[in-house]
Amino acid sequence: MSLLDELNIRRMAEGASVSIYVRDNCIAAVGETQGSTGLMTEQGLAYLVWRDGQAFLANKSGEIPATAEQVETIQKFSRDLATALNK
């Protein structure tokens, strides 16, 4: 069993330069480096952004404040994926 499996992270797609990894409602694109991690919301894929120390989920529809739980979910997924991929 790989570390990805142990961390419940799945590779959903693999292209020539980018692979897509998911766990629950988190998603990340990884190429030479780990890209941004997003969270699937009712409005679609949203990325964690910071403005003046405040966390937001941003997507094509705009930005909404992120909850502490959403921030922790995204950050934990990013850390776990980086650990599993040694990035």
Protein backbone atom coordinates (compact mmCIF):
# COMPACT_ATOMS: atom_id res chain seq x y z
CA MET A 1 0.00 0.00 0.00
CA SER A 2 1.39 3.39 -0.97
CA LEU A 3 1.45 6.45 1.25
CA LEU A 4 -1.18 8.00 -1.05
CA ASP A 5 -3.47 5.06 -0.29
CA GLU A 6 -2.78 5.32 3.44
CA LEU A 7 -3.71 9.01 3.35
CA ASN A 8 -6.86 8.26 1.30
CA ILE A 9 -5.61 10.35 -1.65
CA ARG A 10 -6.41 9.18 -5.18
CA ARG A 11 -4.86 10.17 -8.49
CA MET A 12 -7.90 10.93 -10.65
CA ALA A 13 -6.14 11.90 -13.86
CA GLU A 14 -2.62 11.86 -15.22
CA GLY A 15 -1.50 13.93 -18.18
CA ALA A 16 1.82 14.61 -19.85
CA SER A 17 2.70 17.41 -17.43
CA VAL A 18 0.04 17.44 -14.69
CA SER A 19 -1.67 14.89 -12.44
CA ILE A 20 -4.89 15.54 -10.52
CA TYR A 21 -5.21 14.24 -6.95
CA VAL A 22 -8.35 14.18 -4.78
CA ARG A 23 -9.47 13.37 -1.27
CA ASP A 24 -13.06 13.91 -0.21
CA ASN A 25 -13.92 17.36 -1.59
CA CYS A 26 -10.31 18.57 -2.00
CA ILE A 27 -8.50 18.59 -5.34
CA ALA A 28 -4.97 19.53 -6.42
CA ALA A 29 -3.12 19.74 -9.72
CA VAL A 30 0.50 18.62 -9.50
CA GLY A 31 3.19 19.08 -12.13
CA GLU A 32 6.83 19.89 -11.47
CA THR A 33 5.64 21.43 -8.21
CA GLN A 34 2.44 21.08 -6.23
CA GLY A 35 -0.09 23.56 -7.54
CA SER A 36 -2.97 25.20 -5.74
CA THR A 37 -5.32 23.07 -3.72
CA GLY A 38 -9.01 23.65 -4.20
CA LEU A 39 -12.22 22.67 -2.48
CA MET A 40 -15.34 21.56 -4.31
CA THR A 41 -18.27 23.73 -3.21
CA GLU A 42 -21.87 24.09 -4.34
CA GLN A 43 -20.61 26.87 -6.64
CA GLY A 44 -17.84 24.69 -8.12
CA LEU A 45 -14.10 24.51 -7.50
CA ALA A 46 -12.86 27.22 -5.14
CA TYR A 47 -9.29 28.04 -4.11
CA LEU A 48 -8.14 29.25 -0.71
CA VAL A 49 -6.88 32.83 -0.89
CA TRP A 50 -5.89 35.29 1.82
CA ARG A 51 -6.82 38.97 1.89
CA ASP A 52 -5.66 41.13 4.81
CA GLY A 53 -5.25 38.04 7.00
CA GLN A 54 -8.76 36.75 6.21
CA ALA A 55 -9.26 33.41 4.42
CA PHE A 56 -11.61 33.26 1.44
CA LEU A 57 -12.71 30.62 -1.03
CA ALA A 58 -12.43 32.11 -4.51
CA ASN A 59 -13.95 30.81 -7.72
CA LYS A 60 -15.24 32.25 -10.98
CA SER A 61 -18.36 33.52 -9.18
CA GLY A 62 -16.41 35.54 -6.62
CA GLU A 63 -15.17 35.05 -3.08
CA ILE A 64 -16.82 33.90 0.14
CA PRO A 65 -15.28 33.83 3.62
CA ALA A 66 -13.72 30.44 4.41
CA THR A 67 -14.52 28.74 7.70
CA ALA A 68 -11.74 27.58 10.02
CA GLU A 69 -12.74 23.99 9.18
CA GLN A 70 -12.41 24.61 5.42
CA VAL A 71 -8.99 26.23 5.89
CA GLU A 72 -7.78 23.28 7.99
CA THR A 73 -9.19 20.74 5.49
CA ILE A 74 -7.40 22.38 2.56
CA GLN A 75 -4.14 22.87 4.44
CA LYS A 76 -4.11 19.30 5.76
CA PHE A 77 -4.75 17.89 2.29
CA SER A 78 -1.94 20.04 0.88
CA ARG A 79 0.49 18.90 3.60
CA ASP A 80 -0.49 15.23 3.23
CA LEU A 81 -0.16 15.34 -0.56
CA ALA A 82 3.23 17.06 -0.37
CA THR A 83 4.42 14.42 2.11
CA ALA A 84 3.17 11.55 -0.05
CA LEU A 85 4.78 13.00 -3.18
CA ASN A 86 7.94 14.20 -1.38
CA LYS A 87 7.42 17.76 -2.69
